[in-house]
PDB file of N, CA and C in Angstrom:
ATOM      1  N   MET A   1       9.124 -16.921  -1.291  1.00  0.00           N
ATOM      2  CA  MET A   1       8.329 -18.093  -1.573  1.00  0.00           C
ATOM      3  C   MET A   1       8.415 -19.031  -0.373  1.00  0.00           C
ATOM      4  N   ARG A   2       7.311 -19.572   0.034  1.00  0.00           N
ATOM      5  CA  ARG A   2       7.290 -20.487   1.167  1.00  0.00           C
ATOM      6  C   ARG A   2       8.024 -21.778   0.825  1.00  0.00           C
ATOM      7  N   SER A   3       8.592 -22.375   1.841  1.00  0.00           N
ATOM      8  CA  SER A   3       9.290 -23.642   1.667  1.00  0.00           C
ATOM      9  C   SER A   3       8.314 -24.694   1.149  1.00  0.00           C
ATOM     10  N   GLY A   4       8.695 -25.365   0.098  1.00  0.00           N
ATOM     11  CA  GLY A   4       7.857 -26.420  -0.442  1.00  0.00           C
ATOM     12  C   GLY A   4       6.873 -25.952  -1.501  1.00  0.00           C
ATOM     13  N   SER A   5       6.715 -24.640  -1.686  1.00  0.00           N
ATOM     14  CA  SER A   5       5.791 -24.173  -2.714  1.00  0.00           C
ATOM     15  C   SER A   5       6.497 -24.186  -4.066  1.00  0.00           C
ATOM     16  N   VAL A   6       5.715 -24.377  -5.101  1.00  0.00           N
ATOM     17  CA  VAL A   6       6.250 -24.496  -6.449  1.00  0.00           C
ATOM     18  C   VAL A   6       5.545 -23.480  -7.333  1.00  0.00           C
ATOM     19  N   PRO A   7       6.297 -22.768  -8.191  1.00  0.00           N
ATOM     20  CA  PRO A   7       5.628 -21.857  -9.121  1.00  0.00           C
ATOM     21  C   PRO A   7       4.614 -22.629  -9.959  1.00  0.00           C
ATOM     22  N   GLU A   8       3.491 -21.995 -10.213  1.00  0.00           N
ATOM     23  CA  GLU A   8       2.415 -22.665 -10.927  1.00  0.00           C
ATOM     24  C   GLU A   8       2.003 -21.813 -12.119  1.00  0.00           C
ATOM     25  N   GLU A   9       1.891 -22.434 -13.278  1.00  0.00           N
ATOM     26  CA  GLU A   9       1.445 -21.723 -14.465  1.00  0.00           C
ATOM     27  C   GLU A   9      -0.078 -21.677 -14.455  1.00  0.00           C
ATOM     28  N   VAL A  10      -0.623 -20.493 -14.748  1.00  0.00           N
ATOM     29  CA  VAL A  10      -2.067 -20.294 -14.724  1.00  0.00           C
ATOM     30  C   VAL A  10      -2.545 -20.032 -16.147  1.00  0.00           C
ATOM     31  N   ASP A  11      -3.602 -20.713 -16.561  1.00  0.00           N
ATOM     32  CA  ASP A  11      -4.186 -20.525 -17.881  1.00  0.00           C
ATOM     33  C   ASP A  11      -5.164 -19.356 -17.825  1.00  0.00           C
ATOM     34  N   LEU A  12      -4.732 -18.192 -18.287  1.00  0.00           N
ATOM     35  CA  LEU A  12      -5.565 -16.995 -18.217  1.00  0.00           C
ATOM     36  C   LEU A  12      -6.724 -17.024 -19.208  1.00  0.00           C
ATOM     37  N   GLN A  13      -6.630 -17.831 -20.247  1.00  0.00           N
ATOM     38  CA  GLN A  13      -7.693 -17.912 -21.244  1.00  0.00           C
ATOM     39  C   GLN A  13      -8.969 -18.517 -20.669  1.00  0.00           C
ATOM     40  N   ASN A  14      -8.844 -19.405 -19.709  1.00  0.00           N
ATOM     41  CA  ASN A  14     -10.001 -20.108 -19.157  1.00  0.00           C
ATOM     42  C   ASN A  14     -10.451 -19.563 -17.807  1.00  0.00           C
ATOM     43  N   GLN A  15      -9.971 -18.400 -17.423  1.00  0.00           N
ATOM     44  CA  GLN A  15     -10.373 -17.793 -16.156  1.00  0.00           C
ATOM     45  C   GLN A  15     -11.770 -17.198 -16.293  1.00  0.00           C
ATOM     46  N   GLN A  16     -12.606 -17.436 -15.316  1.00  0.00           N
ATOM     47  CA  GLN A  16     -13.943 -16.870 -15.293  1.00  0.00           C
ATOM     48  C   GLN A  16     -13.900 -15.548 -14.538  1.00  0.00           C
ATOM     49  N   PRO A  17     -14.387 -14.464 -15.152  1.00  0.00           N
ATOM     50  CA  PRO A  17     -14.375 -13.182 -14.438  1.00  0.00           C
ATOM     51  C   PRO A  17     -15.335 -13.215 -13.253  1.00  0.00           C
ATOM     52  N   GLU A  18     -14.895 -12.657 -12.156  1.00  0.00           N
ATOM     53  CA  GLU A  18     -15.743 -12.554 -10.975  1.00  0.00           C
ATOM     54  C   GLU A  18     -15.317 -11.320 -10.195  1.00  0.00           C
ATOM     55  N   VAL A  19     -16.248 -10.755  -9.483  1.00  0.00           N
ATOM     56  CA  VAL A  19     -15.957  -9.583  -8.676  1.00  0.00           C
ATOM     57  C   VAL A  19     -15.266 -10.034  -7.400  1.00  0.00           C
ATOM     58  N   ARG A  20     -14.165  -9.353  -7.077  1.00  0.00           N
ATOM     59  CA  ARG A  20     -13.432  -9.663  -5.849  1.00  0.00           C
ATOM     60  C   ARG A  20     -13.095  -8.360  -5.146  1.00  0.00           C
ATOM     61  N   GLU A  21     -13.054  -8.402  -3.845  1.00  0.00           N
ATOM     62  CA  GLU A  21     -12.639  -7.247  -3.059  1.00  0.00           C
ATOM     63  C   GLU A  21     -11.543  -7.693  -2.118  1.00  0.00           C
ATOM     64  N   GLU A  22     -10.343  -7.284  -2.423  1.00  0.00           N
ATOM     65  CA  GLU A  22      -9.199  -7.626  -1.592  1.00  0.00           C
ATOM     66  C   GLU A  22      -8.216  -6.467  -1.607  1.00  0.00           C
ATOM     67  N   CYS A  23      -7.935  -5.925  -0.479  1.00  0.00           N
ATOM     68  CA  CYS A  23      -6.875  -4.934  -0.286  1.00  0.00           C
ATOM     69  C   CYS A  23      -6.971  -3.736  -1.234  1.00  0.00           C
ATOM     70  N   GLY A  24      -6.186  -2.731  -0.912  1.00  0.00           N
ATOM     71  CA  GLY A  24      -6.062  -1.554  -1.753  1.00  0.00           C
ATOM     72  C   GLY A  24      -4.593  -1.171  -1.842  1.00  0.00           C
ATOM     73  N   VAL A  25      -4.157  -0.791  -3.025  1.00  0.00           N
ATOM     74  CA  VAL A  25      -2.767  -0.390  -3.241  1.00  0.00           C
ATOM     75  C   VAL A  25      -2.766   0.936  -3.981  1.00  0.00           C
ATOM     76  N   PHE A  26      -1.871   1.836  -3.557  1.00  0.00           N
ATOM     77  CA  PHE A  26      -1.791   3.164  -4.156  1.00  0.00           C
ATOM     78  C   PHE A  26      -0.322   3.556  -4.250  1.00  0.00           C
ATOM     79  N   GLY A  27       0.101   4.053  -5.396  1.00  0.00           N
ATOM     80  CA  GLY A  27       1.495   4.453  -5.573  1.00  0.00           C
ATOM     81  C   GLY A  27       1.625   5.871  -6.095  1.00  0.00           C
ATOM     82  N   VAL A  28       2.738   6.520  -5.724  1.00  0.00           N
ATOM     83  CA  VAL A  28       3.003   7.904  -6.133  1.00  0.00           C
ATOM     84  C   VAL A  28       4.479   8.053  -6.486  1.00  0.00           C
ATOM     85  N   TRP A  29       4.756   8.721  -7.575  1.00  0.00           N
ATOM     86  CA  TRP A  29       6.104   9.190  -7.906  1.00  0.00           C
ATOM     87  C   TRP A  29       5.951  10.672  -8.181  1.00  0.00           C
ATOM     88  N   ALA A  30       6.476  11.503  -7.300  1.00  0.00           N
ATOM     89  CA  ALA A  30       6.279  12.952  -7.415  1.00  0.00           C
ATOM     90  C   ALA A  30       7.435  13.687  -6.741  1.00  0.00           C
ATOM     91  N   PRO A  31       8.570  13.818  -7.435  1.00  0.00           N
ATOM     92  CA  PRO A  31       9.698  14.559  -6.852  1.00  0.00           C
ATOM     93  C   PRO A  31       9.278  15.966  -6.433  1.00  0.00           C
ATOM     94  N   GLY A  32       9.696  16.366  -5.238  1.00  0.00           N
ATOM     95  CA  GLY A  32       9.377  17.694  -4.727  1.00  0.00           C
ATOM     96  C   GLY A  32       8.049  17.797  -4.011  1.00  0.00           C
ATOM     97  N   GLU A  33       7.286  16.726  -3.975  1.00  0.00           N
ATOM     98  CA  GLU A  33       5.977  16.731  -3.312  1.00  0.00           C
ATOM     99  C   GLU A  33       6.037  15.899  -2.029  1.00  0.00           C
ATOM    100  N   GLU A  34       5.025  16.054  -1.197  1.00  0.00           N
ATOM    101  CA  GLU A  34       4.905  15.250   0.023  1.00  0.00           C
ATOM    102  C   GLU A  34       4.223  13.931  -0.345  1.00  0.00           C
ATOM    103  N   VAL A  35       5.033  12.972  -0.815  1.00  0.00           N
ATOM    104  CA  VAL A  35       4.459  11.732  -1.341  1.00  0.00           C
ATOM    105  C   VAL A  35       3.743  10.903  -0.276  1.00  0.00           C
ATOM    106  N   ALA A  36       4.199  10.960   0.965  1.00  0.00           N
ATOM    107  CA  ALA A  36       3.516  10.203   2.023  1.00  0.00           C
ATOM    108  C   ALA A  36       2.105  10.740   2.232  1.00  0.00           C
ATOM    109  N   LYS A  37       1.967  12.052   2.206  1.00  0.00           N
ATOM    110  CA  LYS A  37       0.639  12.649   2.393  1.00  0.00           C
ATOM    111  C   LYS A  37      -0.267  12.336   1.198  1.00  0.00           C
ATOM    112  N   LEU A  38       0.285  12.406  -0.014  1.00  0.00           N
ATOM    113  CA  LEU A  38      -0.500  12.046  -1.199  1.00  0.00           C
ATOM    114  C   LEU A  38      -0.939  10.583  -1.123  1.00  0.00           C
ATOM    115  N   THR A  39      -0.047   9.728  -0.672  1.00  0.00           N
ATOM    116  CA  THR A  39      -0.372   8.308  -0.537  1.00  0.00           C
ATOM    117  C   THR A  39      -1.423   8.091   0.545  1.00  0.00           C
ATOM    118  N   TYR A  40      -1.316   8.834   1.639  1.00  0.00           N
ATOM    119  CA  TYR A  40      -2.316   8.764   2.709  1.00  0.00           C
ATOM    120  C   TYR A  40      -3.711   9.050   2.141  1.00  0.00           C
ATOM    121  N   PHE A  41      -3.842  10.122   1.362  1.00  0.00           N
ATOM    122  CA  PHE A  41      -5.151  10.467   0.803  1.00  0.00           C
ATOM    123  C   PHE A  41      -5.631   9.401  -0.180  1.00  0.00           C
ATOM    124  N   GLY A  42      -4.708   8.828  -0.938  1.00  0.00           N
ATOM    125  CA  GLY A  42      -5.076   7.737  -1.832  1.00  0.00           C
ATOM    126  C   GLY A  42      -5.574   6.523  -1.067  1.00  0.00           C
ATOM    127  N   LEU A  43      -4.881   6.191   0.020  1.00  0.00           N
ATOM    128  CA  LEU A  43      -5.311   5.053   0.847  1.00  0.00           C
ATOM    129  C   LEU A  43      -6.637   5.333   1.538  1.00  0.00           C
ATOM    130  N   TYR A  44      -6.819   6.576   1.954  1.00  0.00           N
ATOM    131  CA  TYR A  44      -8.080   6.954   2.592  1.00  0.00           C
ATOM    132  C   TYR A  44      -9.243   6.717   1.620  1.00  0.00           C
ATOM    133  N   ALA A  45      -9.023   7.064   0.351  1.00  0.00           N
ATOM    134  CA  ALA A  45     -10.058   6.847  -0.667  1.00  0.00           C
ATOM    135  C   ALA A  45     -10.273   5.356  -0.938  1.00  0.00           C
ATOM    136  N   LEU A  46      -9.244   4.546  -0.702  1.00  0.00           N
ATOM    137  CA  LEU A  46      -9.338   3.102  -0.920  1.00  0.00           C
ATOM    138  C   LEU A  46      -9.668   2.327   0.351  1.00  0.00           C
ATOM    139  N   GLN A  47     -10.000   3.027   1.426  1.00  0.00           N
ATOM    140  CA  GLN A  47     -10.224   2.387   2.722  1.00  0.00           C
ATOM    141  C   GLN A  47     -11.234   1.253   2.642  1.00  0.00           C
ATOM    142  N   HIS A  48     -12.232   1.373   1.771  1.00  0.00           N
ATOM    143  CA  HIS A  48     -13.238   0.321   1.634  1.00  0.00           C
ATOM    144  C   HIS A  48     -12.633  -0.986   1.122  1.00  0.00           C
ATOM    145  N   ARG A  49     -11.419  -0.933   0.559  1.00  0.00           N
ATOM    146  CA  ARG A  49     -10.750  -2.121   0.034  1.00  0.00           C
ATOM    147  C   ARG A  49     -10.015  -2.910   1.116  1.00  0.00           C
ATOM    148  N   GLY A  50      -9.859  -2.317   2.296  1.00  0.00           N
ATOM    149  CA  GLY A  50      -9.182  -3.013   3.380  1.00  0.00           C
ATOM    150  C   GLY A  50      -9.212  -2.175   4.633  1.00  0.00           C
ATOM    151  N   GLN A  51      -9.774  -2.719   5.705  1.00  0.00           N
ATOM    152  CA  GLN A  51      -9.937  -1.947   6.936  1.00  0.00           C
ATOM    153  C   GLN A  51      -9.225  -2.583   8.121  1.00  0.00           C
ATOM    154  N   GLU A  52      -8.375  -3.554   7.860  1.00  0.00           N
ATOM    155  CA  GLU A  52      -7.689  -4.246   8.947  1.00  0.00           C
ATOM    156  C   GLU A  52      -6.363  -3.585   9.312  1.00  0.00           C
ATOM    157  N   ALA A  53      -5.628  -3.127   8.306  1.00  0.00           N
ATOM    158  CA  ALA A  53      -4.310  -2.536   8.549  1.00  0.00           C
ATOM    159  C   ALA A  53      -3.934  -1.651   7.371  1.00  0.00           C
ATOM    160  N   ALA A  54      -2.911  -0.818   7.577  1.00  0.00           N
ATOM    161  CA  ALA A  54      -2.433   0.063   6.513  1.00  0.00           C
ATOM    162  C   ALA A  54      -0.939   0.275   6.672  1.00  0.00           C
ATOM    163  N   GLY A  55      -0.291   0.578   5.557  1.00  0.00           N
ATOM    164  CA  GLY A  55       1.137   0.853   5.597  1.00  0.00           C
ATOM    165  C   GLY A  55       1.557   1.702   4.419  1.00  0.00           C
ATOM    166  N   ILE A  56       2.637   2.445   4.613  1.00  0.00           N
ATOM    167  CA  ILE A  56       3.226   3.246   3.547  1.00  0.00           C
ATOM    168  C   ILE A  56       4.727   3.015   3.565  1.00  0.00           C
ATOM    169  N   ALA A  57       5.300   2.803   2.380  1.00  0.00           N
ATOM    170  CA  ALA A  57       6.750   2.720   2.206  1.00  0.00           C
ATOM    171  C   ALA A  57       7.165   3.862   1.295  1.00  0.00           C
ATOM    172  N   VAL A  58       8.183   4.622   1.706  1.00  0.00           N
ATOM    173  CA  VAL A  58       8.691   5.728   0.892  1.00  0.00           C
ATOM    174  C   VAL A  58      10.167   5.493   0.598  1.00  0.00           C
ATOM    175  N   SER A  59      10.620   6.077  -0.516  1.00  0.00           N
ATOM    176  CA  SER A  59      12.024   5.951  -0.882  1.00  0.00           C
ATOM    177  C   SER A  59      12.522   7.244  -1.498  1.00  0.00           C
ATOM    178  N   ASP A  60      13.798   7.530  -1.216  1.00  0.00           N
ATOM    179  CA  ASP A  60      14.467   8.660  -1.847  1.00  0.00           C
ATOM    180  C   ASP A  60      15.445   8.170  -2.909  1.00  0.00           C
ATOM    181  N   GLY A  61      15.394   6.895  -3.211  1.00  0.00           N
ATOM    182  CA  GLY A  61      16.275   6.295  -4.196  1.00  0.00           C
ATOM    183  C   GLY A  61      17.475   5.599  -3.588  1.00  0.00           C
ATOM    184  N   SER A  62      17.780   5.899  -2.327  1.00  0.00           N
ATOM    185  CA  SER A  62      18.928   5.256  -1.690  1.00  0.00           C
ATOM    186  C   SER A  62      18.517   4.309  -0.568  1.00  0.00           C
ATOM    187  N   GLY A  63      17.279   4.356  -0.162  1.00  0.00           N
ATOM    188  CA  GLY A  63      16.779   3.490   0.898  1.00  0.00           C
ATOM    189  C   GLY A  63      15.267   3.556   0.956  1.00  0.00           C
ATOM    190  N   VAL A  64      14.692   2.690   1.764  1.00  0.00           N
ATOM    191  CA  VAL A  64      13.236   2.621   1.915  1.00  0.00           C
ATOM    192  C   VAL A  64      12.894   2.718   3.396  1.00  0.00           C
ATOM    193  N   VAL A  65      11.886   3.531   3.705  1.00  0.00           N
ATOM    194  CA  VAL A  65      11.375   3.647   5.069  1.00  0.00           C
ATOM    195  C   VAL A  65       9.923   3.181   5.050  1.00  0.00           C
ATOM    196  N   VAL A  66       9.578   2.307   5.986  1.00  0.00           N
ATOM    197  CA  VAL A  66       8.235   1.722   6.037  1.00  0.00           C
ATOM    198  C   VAL A  66       7.592   2.040   7.380  1.00  0.00           C
ATOM    199  N   TYR A  67       6.309   2.404   7.329  1.00  0.00           N
ATOM    200  CA  TYR A  67       5.517   2.546   8.544  1.00  0.00           C
ATOM    201  C   TYR A  67       4.208   1.810   8.315  1.00  0.00           C
ATOM    202  N   LYS A  68       3.852   0.912   9.227  1.00  0.00           N
ATOM    203  CA  LYS A  68       2.618   0.133   9.094  1.00  0.00           C
ATOM    204  C   LYS A  68       2.094  -0.200  10.478  1.00  0.00           C
ATOM    205  N   ASP A  69       0.778  -0.416  10.545  1.00  0.00           N
ATOM    206  CA  ASP A  69       0.161  -0.794  11.813  1.00  0.00           C
ATOM    207  C   ASP A  69      -1.250  -1.291  11.544  1.00  0.00           C
ATOM    208  N   LEU A  70      -1.841  -1.900  12.545  1.00  0.00           N
ATOM    209  CA  LEU A  70      -3.226  -2.347  12.463  1.00  0.00           C
ATOM    210  C   LEU A  70      -4.155  -1.158  12.634  1.00  0.00           C
ATOM    211  N   GLY A  71      -5.284  -1.173  11.931  1.00  0.00           N
ATOM    212  CA  GLY A  71      -6.287  -0.131  12.079  1.00  0.00           C
ATOM    213  C   GLY A  71      -6.629   0.539  10.765  1.00  0.00           C
ATOM    214  N   LEU A  72      -7.577   1.439  10.847  1.00  0.00           N
ATOM    215  CA  LEU A  72      -7.977   2.233   9.690  1.00  0.00           C
ATOM    216  C   LEU A  72      -6.875   3.223   9.341  1.00  0.00           C
ATOM    217  N   VAL A  73      -6.876   3.696   8.121  1.00  0.00           N
ATOM    218  CA  VAL A  73      -5.837   4.618   7.650  1.00  0.00           C
ATOM    219  C   VAL A  73      -5.702   5.820   8.583  1.00  0.00           C
ATOM    220  N   ALA A  74      -6.815   6.432   8.960  1.00  0.00           N
ATOM    221  CA  ALA A  74      -6.780   7.618   9.825  1.00  0.00           C
ATOM    222  C   ALA A  74      -6.291   7.296  11.235  1.00  0.00           C
ATOM    223  N   GLN A  75      -6.396   6.042  11.654  1.00  0.00           N
ATOM    224  CA  GLN A  75      -5.898   5.634  12.970  1.00  0.00           C
ATOM    225  C   GLN A  75      -4.401   5.318  12.935  1.00  0.00           C
ATOM    226  N   VAL A  76      -3.920   4.842  11.810  1.00  0.00           N
ATOM    227  CA  VAL A  76      -2.523   4.427  11.681  1.00  0.00           C
ATOM    228  C   VAL A  76      -1.591   5.621  11.505  1.00  0.00           C
ATOM    229  N   PHE A  77      -2.009   6.613  10.721  1.00  0.00           N
ATOM    230  CA  PHE A  77      -1.126   7.727  10.370  1.00  0.00           C
ATOM    231  C   PHE A  77      -1.589   9.034  10.995  1.00  0.00           C
ATOM    232  N   ASP A  78      -0.640   9.782  11.553  1.00  0.00           N
ATOM    233  CA  ASP A  78      -0.897  11.144  12.013  1.00  0.00           C
ATOM    234  C   ASP A  78       0.096  12.073  11.305  1.00  0.00           C
ATOM    235  N   GLU A  79      -0.049  13.371  11.506  1.00  0.00           N
ATOM    236  CA  GLU A  79       0.800  14.353  10.816  1.00  0.00           C
ATOM    237  C   GLU A  79       2.294  14.136  11.064  1.00  0.00           C
ATOM    238  N   PRO A  80       2.732  13.943  12.330  1.00  0.00           N
ATOM    239  CA  PRO A  80       4.172  13.734  12.550  1.00  0.00           C
ATOM    240  C   PRO A  80       4.713  12.483  11.839  1.00  0.00           C
ATOM    241  N   THR A  81       3.919  11.424  11.815  1.00  0.00           N
ATOM    242  CA  THR A  81       4.354  10.202  11.131  1.00  0.00           C
ATOM    243  C   THR A  81       4.493  10.449   9.640  1.00  0.00           C
ATOM    244  N   LEU A  82       3.489  11.084   9.035  1.00  0.00           N
ATOM    245  CA  LEU A  82       3.555  11.372   7.604  1.00  0.00           C
ATOM    246  C   LEU A  82       4.732  12.289   7.282  1.00  0.00           C
ATOM    247  N   ALA A  83       4.999  13.274   8.143  1.00  0.00           N
ATOM    248  CA  ALA A  83       6.112  14.201   7.916  1.00  0.00           C
ATOM    249  C   ALA A  83       7.458  13.486   7.977  1.00  0.00           C
ATOM    250  N   SER A  84       7.534  12.392   8.736  1.00  0.00           N
ATOM    251  CA  SER A  84       8.799  11.658   8.856  1.00  0.00           C
ATOM    252  C   SER A  84       9.064  10.742   7.664  1.00  0.00           C
ATOM    253  N   LEU A  85       8.057  10.508   6.844  1.00  0.00           N
ATOM    254  CA  LEU A  85       8.192   9.634   5.676  1.00  0.00           C
ATOM    255  C   LEU A  85       8.539  10.487   4.458  1.00  0.00           C
ATOM    256  N   ARG A  86       9.824  10.679   4.225  1.00  0.00           N
ATOM    257  CA  ARG A  86      10.282  11.573   3.151  1.00  0.00           C
ATOM    258  C   ARG A  86      10.886  10.780   2.005  1.00  0.00           C
ATOM    259  N   GLY A  87      10.623  11.254   0.816  1.00  0.00           N
ATOM    260  CA  GLY A  87      11.162  10.632  -0.388  1.00  0.00           C
ATOM    261  C   GLY A  87      10.445  11.188  -1.595  1.00  0.00           C
ATOM    262  N   HIS A  88      10.739  10.637  -2.762  1.00  0.00           N
ATOM    263  CA  HIS A  88      10.060  11.098  -3.974  1.00  0.00           C
ATOM    264  C   HIS A  88       9.165  10.018  -4.583  1.00  0.00           C
ATOM    265  N   LEU A  89       9.146   8.843  -3.957  1.00  0.00           N
ATOM    266  CA  LEU A  89       8.202   7.823  -4.396  1.00  0.00           C
ATOM    267  C   LEU A  89       7.687   7.061  -3.187  1.00  0.00           C
ATOM    268  N   ALA A  90       6.448   6.612  -3.308  1.00  0.00           N
ATOM    269  CA  ALA A  90       5.806   5.910  -2.193  1.00  0.00           C
ATOM    270  C   ALA A  90       4.811   4.894  -2.727  1.00  0.00           C
ATOM    271  N   ILE A  91       4.592   3.889  -1.921  1.00  0.00           N
ATOM    272  CA  ILE A  91       3.531   2.927  -2.196  1.00  0.00           C
ATOM    273  C   ILE A  91       2.823   2.646  -0.876  1.00  0.00           C
ATOM    274  N   GLY A  92       1.510   2.586  -0.942  1.00  0.00           N
ATOM    275  CA  GLY A  92       0.719   2.339   0.253  1.00  0.00           C
ATOM    276  C   GLY A  92      -0.197   1.148   0.055  1.00  0.00           C
ATOM    277  N   HIS A  93      -0.640   0.582   1.177  1.00  0.00           N
ATOM    278  CA  HIS A  93      -1.442  -0.636   1.134  1.00  0.00           C
ATOM    279  C   HIS A  93      -2.449  -0.635   2.273  1.00  0.00           C
ATOM    280  N   THR A  94      -3.674  -1.012   1.974  1.00  0.00           N
ATOM    281  CA  THR A  94      -4.662  -1.298   3.008  1.00  0.00           C
ATOM    282  C   THR A  94      -4.946  -2.791   2.943  1.00  0.00           C
ATOM    283  N   ARG A  95      -5.036  -3.421   4.094  1.00  0.00           N
ATOM    284  CA  ARG A  95      -5.168  -4.881   4.117  1.00  0.00           C
ATOM    285  C   ARG A  95      -6.585  -5.314   4.471  1.00  0.00           C
ATOM    286  N   TYR A  96      -7.034  -6.296   3.718  1.00  0.00           N
ATOM    287  CA  TYR A  96      -8.314  -6.962   3.945  1.00  0.00           C
ATOM    288  C   TYR A  96      -8.021  -8.452   3.994  1.00  0.00           C
ATOM    289  N   SER A  97      -8.387  -9.109   5.082  1.00  0.00           N
ATOM    290  CA  SER A  97      -8.135 -10.558   5.115  1.00  0.00           C
ATOM    291  C   SER A  97      -9.345 -11.325   5.562  1.00  0.00           C
TER     292      SER A  97
END
């Protein structure tokens, strides 16, 4: 939380529905599978949700490894990078700002 910011209660009953396009998030839990590659394909499908940057975080339950950079999903990740992201769960993000 930023310095000086205060949690704010939001009245969900009075929210007006509107279409928004912001970022893309994709998660995988698949023991024994290449979760980084599965997440890559999920992010590729969500590329229209954010084309500024992409990142994937993977975990084996004892730690987290993160790889992120500016660019489209196909520009950020290559085969060696995806192969280095090992674990049984992953979450990926495409950024739109």
